[in-house]
Amino acid sequence: MSTLEFDRVTVRYGASTVLDDVSLTVPDGQIVGLVGESGS
């Protein structure tokens, strides 16, 4: 079983696409960090 799961997500802000067809599954008990290009 997974704590967090998303599949084929695309996010746009105006003309900028910030996520394009991204999928992620985080199993129970696993810690995941996501860092953007600017480090934030």
C-alpha atoms as a PDB file:
ATOM      1  CA  MET A   1       0.000   0.000   0.000  1.00  0.00           C
ATOM      2  CA  SER A   2       1.231   3.509  -0.751  1.00  0.00           C
ATOM      3  CA  THR A   3       0.928   6.632   1.351  1.00  0.00           C
ATOM      4  CA  LEU A   4       1.051   8.938  -1.652  1.00  0.00           C
ATOM      5  CA  GLU A   5       0.452   8.227  -5.319  1.00  0.00           C
ATOM      6  CA  PHE A   6      -0.180  10.358  -8.382  1.00  0.00           C
ATOM      7  CA  ASP A   7      -0.064   9.404 -12.042  1.00  0.00           C
ATOM      8  CA  ARG A   8       0.633  11.470 -15.170  1.00  0.00           C
ATOM      9  CA  VAL A   9       0.199  14.903 -13.544  1.00  0.00           C
ATOM     10  CA  THR A  10       0.721  18.074 -15.577  1.00  0.00           C
ATOM     11  CA  VAL A  11       0.725  21.517 -13.922  1.00  0.00           C
ATOM     12  CA  ARG A  12       0.801  24.831 -15.753  1.00  0.00           C
ATOM     13  CA  TYR A  13       1.034  28.412 -14.499  1.00  0.00           C
ATOM     14  CA  GLY A  14       0.023  30.668 -17.370  1.00  0.00           C
ATOM     15  CA  ALA A  15       2.262  29.770 -20.320  1.00  0.00           C
ATOM     16  CA  SER A  16       4.781  27.880 -18.134  1.00  0.00           C
ATOM     17  CA  THR A  17       4.564  24.104 -17.701  1.00  0.00           C
ATOM     18  CA  VAL A  18       6.130  23.246 -14.332  1.00  0.00           C
ATOM     19  CA  LEU A  19       5.264  19.528 -14.272  1.00  0.00           C
ATOM     20  CA  ASP A  20       4.715  17.486 -17.418  1.00  0.00           C
ATOM     21  CA  ASP A  21       3.345  13.930 -17.220  1.00  0.00           C
ATOM     22  CA  VAL A  22       4.928  13.206 -13.794  1.00  0.00           C
ATOM     23  CA  SER A  23       4.097  10.071 -11.798  1.00  0.00           C
ATOM     24  CA  LEU A  24       5.167   9.231  -8.237  1.00  0.00           C
ATOM     25  CA  THR A  25       4.410   6.480  -5.735  1.00  0.00           C
ATOM     26  CA  VAL A  26       5.685   6.706  -2.150  1.00  0.00           C
ATOM     27  CA  PRO A  27       5.339   3.473  -0.151  1.00  0.00           C
ATOM     28  CA  ASP A  28       4.300   3.494   3.523  1.00  0.00           C
ATOM     29  CA  GLY A  29       7.221   4.376   5.797  1.00  0.00           C
ATOM     30  CA  GLN A  30       9.403   5.922   3.071  1.00  0.00           C
ATOM     31  CA  ILE A  31      10.546   9.555   3.286  1.00  0.00           C
ATOM     32  CA  VAL A  32      10.950  11.495   0.033  1.00  0.00           C
ATOM     33  CA  GLY A  33      12.207  15.021  -0.574  1.00  0.00           C
ATOM     34  CA  LEU A  34      11.641  16.985  -3.767  1.00  0.00           C
ATOM     35  CA  VAL A  35      13.937  19.896  -4.595  1.00  0.00           C
ATOM     36  CA  GLY A  36      13.303  22.346  -7.407  1.00  0.00           C
ATOM     37  CA  GLU A  37      15.855  23.830  -9.766  1.00  0.00           C
ATOM     38  CA  SER A  38      16.369  26.853  -7.491  1.00  0.00           C
ATOM     39  CA  GLY A  39      16.849  24.595  -4.464  1.00  0.00           C
ATOM     40  CA  SER A  40      13.499  25.518  -2.957  1.00  0.00           C
END
